[in-house]
Amino acid sequence: MIHVPERVEAIRSRVAAEMKSVSDLEALVKDPYIRGQLQQVRNWLDDIEAFFLESLSREARTPEEESTWLSHAEMTLHLAARQRKSIQDLVAKYGPNITSIG
């Protein structure tokens, strides 16, 4: 049982928006390293759905446990969004033909 479905839906909505932003960046950037960083962001976003949110339907939790679990999902979302924003800022500054060195 999900105790706060609106919180879960808000997380899902934010994940969907982040996935769209990642897809948009993937369409622009060709550099293998930066694409790898975008793949890492995509993996974190996938984990939010597959690991954090899906388990809410399968496993019983108290409201407090659910709140803690969703806080972990939101932290993962924050990390993914921060990494995506960092890449987006680099693309905005240097253009889509940005090339990593090293």
N, C-alpha and C. Protein backbone atom coordinates (compact mmCIF):
# COMPACT_ATOMS: atom_id res chain seq x y z
N MET A 1 0.84 -1.19 0.00
CA MET A 1 0.00 0.00 0.00
C MET A 1 0.88 1.25 0.00
N ILE A 2 0.57 2.15 -0.88
CA ILE A 2 1.29 3.42 -0.93
C ILE A 2 0.50 4.43 -0.11
N HIS A 3 1.16 5.00 0.89
CA HIS A 3 0.49 5.91 1.82
C HIS A 3 0.32 7.32 1.26
N VAL A 4 1.26 7.75 0.44
CA VAL A 4 1.19 9.11 -0.11
C VAL A 4 1.37 9.03 -1.63
N PRO A 5 0.32 8.62 -2.35
CA PRO A 5 0.44 8.43 -3.80
C PRO A 5 0.79 9.72 -4.55
N GLU A 6 0.37 10.87 -4.03
CA GLU A 6 0.70 12.12 -4.73
C GLU A 6 2.21 12.41 -4.69
N ARG A 7 2.88 11.98 -3.64
CA ARG A 7 4.34 12.15 -3.58
C ARG A 7 5.01 11.25 -4.61
N VAL A 8 4.52 10.03 -4.72
CA VAL A 8 5.06 9.09 -5.71
C VAL A 8 4.84 9.63 -7.12
N GLU A 9 3.65 10.13 -7.39
CA GLU A 9 3.36 10.68 -8.72
C GLU A 9 4.21 11.92 -9.01
N ALA A 10 4.47 12.73 -8.01
CA ALA A 10 5.33 13.91 -8.20
C ALA A 10 6.75 13.47 -8.57
N ILE A 11 7.23 12.44 -7.92
CA ILE A 11 8.57 11.92 -8.25
C ILE A 11 8.57 11.37 -9.67
N ARG A 12 7.55 10.60 -10.01
CA ARG A 12 7.47 10.04 -11.37
C ARG A 12 7.43 11.15 -12.43
N SER A 13 6.71 12.19 -12.14
CA SER A 13 6.62 13.31 -13.08
C SER A 13 7.97 13.98 -13.26
N ARG A 14 8.68 14.17 -12.17
CA ARG A 14 10.01 14.78 -12.25
C ARG A 14 10.99 13.87 -12.98
N VAL A 15 10.90 12.57 -12.74
CA VAL A 15 11.76 11.61 -13.45
C VAL A 15 11.48 11.68 -14.95
N ALA A 16 10.22 11.73 -15.33
CA ALA A 16 9.87 11.81 -16.76
C ALA A 16 10.44 13.07 -17.39
N ALA A 17 10.36 14.19 -16.68
CA ALA A 17 10.91 15.45 -17.21
C ALA A 17 12.42 15.36 -17.35
N GLU A 18 13.09 14.75 -16.38
CA GLU A 18 14.54 14.59 -16.45
C GLU A 18 14.92 13.67 -17.61
N MET A 19 14.17 12.60 -17.80
CA MET A 19 14.44 11.67 -18.91
C MET A 19 14.33 12.39 -20.25
N LYS A 20 13.33 13.26 -20.36
CA LYS A 20 13.17 14.04 -21.60
C LYS A 20 14.39 14.93 -21.81
N SER A 21 14.85 15.58 -20.77
CA SER A 21 16.03 16.45 -20.88
C SER A 21 17.27 15.65 -21.26
N VAL A 22 17.42 14.45 -20.68
CA VAL A 22 18.56 13.59 -21.02
C VAL A 22 18.47 13.19 -22.49
N SER A 23 17.30 12.81 -22.95
CA SER A 23 17.13 12.43 -24.35
C SER A 23 17.47 13.59 -25.29
N ASP A 24 17.04 14.79 -24.91
CA ASP A 24 17.35 15.97 -25.72
C ASP A 24 18.86 16.19 -25.80
N LEU A 25 19.55 16.04 -24.68
CA LEU A 25 21.00 16.21 -24.66
C LEU A 25 21.69 15.10 -25.46
N GLU A 26 21.20 13.87 -25.33
CA GLU A 26 21.79 12.76 -26.09
C GLU A 26 21.67 12.99 -27.59
N ALA A 27 20.62 13.65 -28.01
CA ALA A 27 20.43 13.94 -29.43
C ALA A 27 21.43 14.98 -29.92
N LEU A 28 21.95 15.81 -29.02
CA LEU A 28 22.89 16.87 -29.39
C LEU A 28 24.35 16.47 -29.29
N VAL A 29 24.70 15.78 -28.23
CA VAL A 29 26.10 15.54 -27.87
C VAL A 29 26.62 14.25 -28.48
N LYS A 30 27.81 14.31 -29.05
CA LYS A 30 28.42 13.14 -29.67
C LYS A 30 29.64 12.63 -28.89
N ASP A 31 30.19 13.45 -28.01
CA ASP A 31 31.39 13.07 -27.26
C ASP A 31 31.12 11.82 -26.41
N PRO A 32 31.94 10.77 -26.56
CA PRO A 32 31.70 9.52 -25.84
C PRO A 32 31.70 9.67 -24.31
N TYR A 33 32.59 10.47 -23.77
CA TYR A 33 32.64 10.64 -22.32
C TYR A 33 31.38 11.31 -21.80
N ILE A 34 30.98 12.36 -22.46
CA ILE A 34 29.78 13.09 -22.02
C ILE A 34 28.54 12.21 -22.21
N ARG A 35 28.50 11.45 -23.30
CA ARG A 35 27.37 10.52 -23.49
C ARG A 35 27.37 9.46 -22.38
N GLY A 36 28.54 9.05 -21.94
CA GLY A 36 28.63 8.11 -20.82
C GLY A 36 28.08 8.72 -19.54
N GLN A 37 28.35 10.00 -19.34
CA GLN A 37 27.81 10.70 -18.17
C GLN A 37 26.29 10.79 -18.26
N LEU A 38 25.78 11.03 -19.46
CA LEU A 38 24.33 11.05 -19.65
C LEU A 38 23.73 9.66 -19.41
N GLN A 39 24.44 8.61 -19.80
CA GLN A 39 23.96 7.25 -19.53
C GLN A 39 23.89 6.99 -18.03
N GLN A 40 24.86 7.52 -17.29
CA GLN A 40 24.83 7.36 -15.83
C GLN A 40 23.59 8.05 -15.24
N VAL A 41 23.30 9.24 -15.74
CA VAL A 41 22.09 9.95 -15.28
C VAL A 41 20.85 9.11 -15.62
N ARG A 42 20.80 8.58 -16.81
CA ARG A 42 19.67 7.74 -17.22
C ARG A 42 19.55 6.51 -16.31
N ASN A 43 20.68 5.90 -15.95
CA ASN A 43 20.66 4.74 -15.05
C ASN A 43 20.09 5.12 -13.68
N TRP A 44 20.51 6.26 -13.14
CA TRP A 44 19.98 6.71 -11.85
C TRP A 44 18.47 6.92 -11.94
N LEU A 45 18.02 7.54 -13.02
CA LEU A 45 16.58 7.78 -13.19
C LEU A 45 15.83 6.46 -13.32
N ASP A 46 16.39 5.51 -14.05
CA ASP A 46 15.77 4.18 -14.16
C ASP A 46 15.69 3.50 -12.79
N ASP A 47 16.74 3.66 -11.99
CA ASP A 47 16.76 3.07 -10.65
C ASP A 47 15.64 3.61 -9.77
N ILE A 48 15.32 4.87 -9.94
CA ILE A 48 14.26 5.46 -9.12
C ILE A 48 12.96 4.70 -9.36
N GLU A 49 12.64 4.45 -10.60
CA GLU A 49 11.40 3.71 -10.91
C GLU A 49 11.53 2.24 -10.55
N ALA A 50 12.57 1.59 -11.04
CA ALA A 50 12.70 0.14 -10.91
C ALA A 50 13.00 -0.30 -9.48
N PHE A 51 13.78 0.46 -8.76
CA PHE A 51 14.19 0.05 -7.41
C PHE A 51 13.31 0.68 -6.34
N PHE A 52 13.22 2.01 -6.34
CA PHE A 52 12.51 2.68 -5.26
C PHE A 52 10.99 2.60 -5.40
N LEU A 53 10.46 3.03 -6.54
CA LEU A 53 9.01 3.16 -6.65
C LEU A 53 8.29 1.83 -6.86
N GLU A 54 8.84 0.95 -7.68
CA GLU A 54 8.20 -0.34 -7.91
C GLU A 54 8.07 -1.15 -6.63
N SER A 55 9.06 -1.07 -5.76
CA SER A 55 9.01 -1.87 -4.54
C SER A 55 7.91 -1.41 -3.59
N LEU A 56 7.46 -0.18 -3.74
CA LEU A 56 6.38 0.31 -2.86
C LEU A 56 5.10 -0.49 -3.07
N SER A 57 4.87 -0.96 -4.28
CA SER A 57 3.67 -1.74 -4.57
C SER A 57 3.80 -3.18 -4.07
N ARG A 58 5.02 -3.66 -3.96
CA ARG A 58 5.25 -5.07 -3.60
C ARG A 58 5.49 -5.28 -2.11
N GLU A 59 6.04 -4.29 -1.43
CA GLU A 59 6.45 -4.47 -0.03
C GLU A 59 5.66 -3.53 0.88
N ALA A 60 5.19 -4.08 1.97
CA ALA A 60 4.46 -3.27 2.95
C ALA A 60 5.44 -2.43 3.77
N ARG A 61 5.09 -1.17 3.94
CA ARG A 61 5.90 -0.25 4.73
C ARG A 61 4.99 0.59 5.60
N THR A 62 5.50 1.00 6.72
CA THR A 62 4.77 1.97 7.54
C THR A 62 4.87 3.32 6.84
N PRO A 63 4.02 4.28 7.21
CA PRO A 63 4.15 5.61 6.62
C PRO A 63 5.55 6.21 6.84
N GLU A 64 6.14 5.97 7.98
CA GLU A 64 7.49 6.50 8.26
C GLU A 64 8.53 5.84 7.38
N GLU A 65 8.42 4.52 7.21
CA GLU A 65 9.36 3.80 6.34
C GLU A 65 9.22 4.26 4.90
N GLU A 66 7.99 4.43 4.47
CA GLU A 66 7.75 4.91 3.11
C GLU A 66 8.34 6.30 2.91
N SER A 67 8.16 7.15 3.89
CA SER A 67 8.70 8.51 3.79
C SER A 67 10.22 8.49 3.65
N THR A 68 10.87 7.66 4.43
CA THR A 68 12.32 7.53 4.33
C THR A 68 12.72 6.98 2.97
N TRP A 69 12.00 5.96 2.50
CA TRP A 69 12.27 5.34 1.20
C TRP A 69 12.14 6.37 0.08
N LEU A 70 11.07 7.15 0.14
CA LEU A 70 10.85 8.17 -0.89
C LEU A 70 11.89 9.29 -0.79
N SER A 71 12.36 9.58 0.40
CA SER A 71 13.44 10.57 0.54
C SER A 71 14.70 10.10 -0.17
N HIS A 72 14.97 8.81 -0.10
CA HIS A 72 16.13 8.26 -0.83
C HIS A 72 15.91 8.36 -2.34
N ALA A 73 14.70 8.11 -2.79
CA ALA A 73 14.39 8.27 -4.21
C ALA A 73 14.58 9.72 -4.64
N GLU A 74 14.11 10.65 -3.81
CA GLU A 74 14.26 12.07 -4.14
C GLU A 74 15.71 12.51 -4.12
N MET A 75 16.52 11.94 -3.24
CA MET A 75 17.95 12.26 -3.23
C MET A 75 18.62 11.76 -4.51
N THR A 76 18.26 10.56 -4.93
CA THR A 76 18.80 10.04 -6.18
C THR A 76 18.37 10.91 -7.36
N LEU A 77 17.12 11.35 -7.34
CA LEU A 77 16.62 12.26 -8.37
C LEU A 77 17.39 13.58 -8.36
N HIS A 78 17.67 14.10 -7.18
CA HIS A 78 18.43 15.34 -7.06
C HIS A 78 19.83 15.17 -7.66
N LEU A 79 20.49 14.07 -7.35
CA LEU A 79 21.84 13.81 -7.90
C LEU A 79 21.79 13.71 -9.42
N ALA A 80 20.79 13.00 -9.93
CA ALA A 80 20.66 12.86 -11.39
C ALA A 80 20.40 14.21 -12.04
N ALA A 81 19.52 15.00 -11.45
CA ALA A 81 19.18 16.31 -12.01
C ALA A 81 20.39 17.24 -11.97
N ARG A 82 21.15 17.18 -10.90
CA ARG A 82 22.34 18.03 -10.79
C ARG A 82 23.38 17.67 -11.85
N GLN A 83 23.58 16.37 -12.07
CA GLN A 83 24.53 15.94 -13.09
C GLN A 83 24.04 16.33 -14.48
N ARG A 84 22.75 16.13 -14.75
CA ARG A 84 22.18 16.52 -16.04
C ARG A 84 22.32 18.01 -16.27
N LYS A 85 22.06 18.81 -15.23
CA LYS A 85 22.17 20.27 -15.33
C LYS A 85 23.61 20.68 -15.61
N SER A 86 24.55 20.03 -14.99
CA SER A 86 25.97 20.32 -15.22
C SER A 86 26.33 20.08 -16.69
N ILE A 87 25.86 18.98 -17.23
CA ILE A 87 26.11 18.67 -18.65
C ILE A 87 25.40 19.68 -19.54
N GLN A 88 24.17 20.00 -19.20
CA GLN A 88 23.41 20.97 -19.97
C GLN A 88 24.11 22.33 -19.99
N ASP A 89 24.66 22.73 -18.85
CA ASP A 89 25.38 24.00 -18.77
C ASP A 89 26.63 23.97 -19.66
N LEU A 90 27.34 22.84 -19.68
CA LEU A 90 28.52 22.72 -20.53
C LEU A 90 28.14 22.84 -22.01
N VAL A 91 27.05 22.19 -22.38
CA VAL A 91 26.59 22.25 -23.77
C VAL A 91 26.16 23.67 -24.12
N ALA A 92 25.51 24.35 -23.19
CA ALA A 92 25.09 25.73 -23.44
C ALA A 92 26.31 26.64 -23.60
N LYS A 93 27.35 26.38 -22.82
CA LYS A 93 28.54 27.23 -22.85
C LYS A 93 29.44 26.94 -24.06
N TYR A 94 29.64 25.65 -24.37
CA TYR A 94 30.59 25.28 -25.41
C TYR A 94 29.96 24.75 -26.69
N GLY A 95 28.67 24.55 -26.69
CA GLY A 95 27.99 24.06 -27.88
C GLY A 95 27.90 22.55 -27.92
N PRO A 96 27.09 22.02 -28.83
CA PRO A 96 26.87 20.58 -28.89
C PRO A 96 28.09 19.78 -29.37
N ASN A 97 29.05 20.46 -29.96
CA ASN A 97 30.26 19.77 -30.41
C ASN A 97 31.34 19.74 -29.34
N ILE A 98 30.96 19.95 -28.10
CA ILE A 98 31.89 19.92 -26.99
C ILE A 98 32.66 18.59 -27.00
N THR A 99 33.95 18.68 -26.70
CA THR A 99 34.80 17.49 -26.69
C THR A 99 35.53 17.43 -25.38
N SER A 100 35.47 16.26 -24.75
CA SER A 100 36.21 16.06 -23.49
C SER A 100 37.67 15.81 -23.81
N ILE A 101 38.52 16.15 -22.86
CA ILE A 101 39.96 15.96 -23.03
C ILE A 101 40.42 14.95 -21.99
N GLY A 102 41.20 14.00 -22.44
CA GLY A 102 41.76 13.05 -21.48
C GLY A 102 41.38 11.71 -21.74
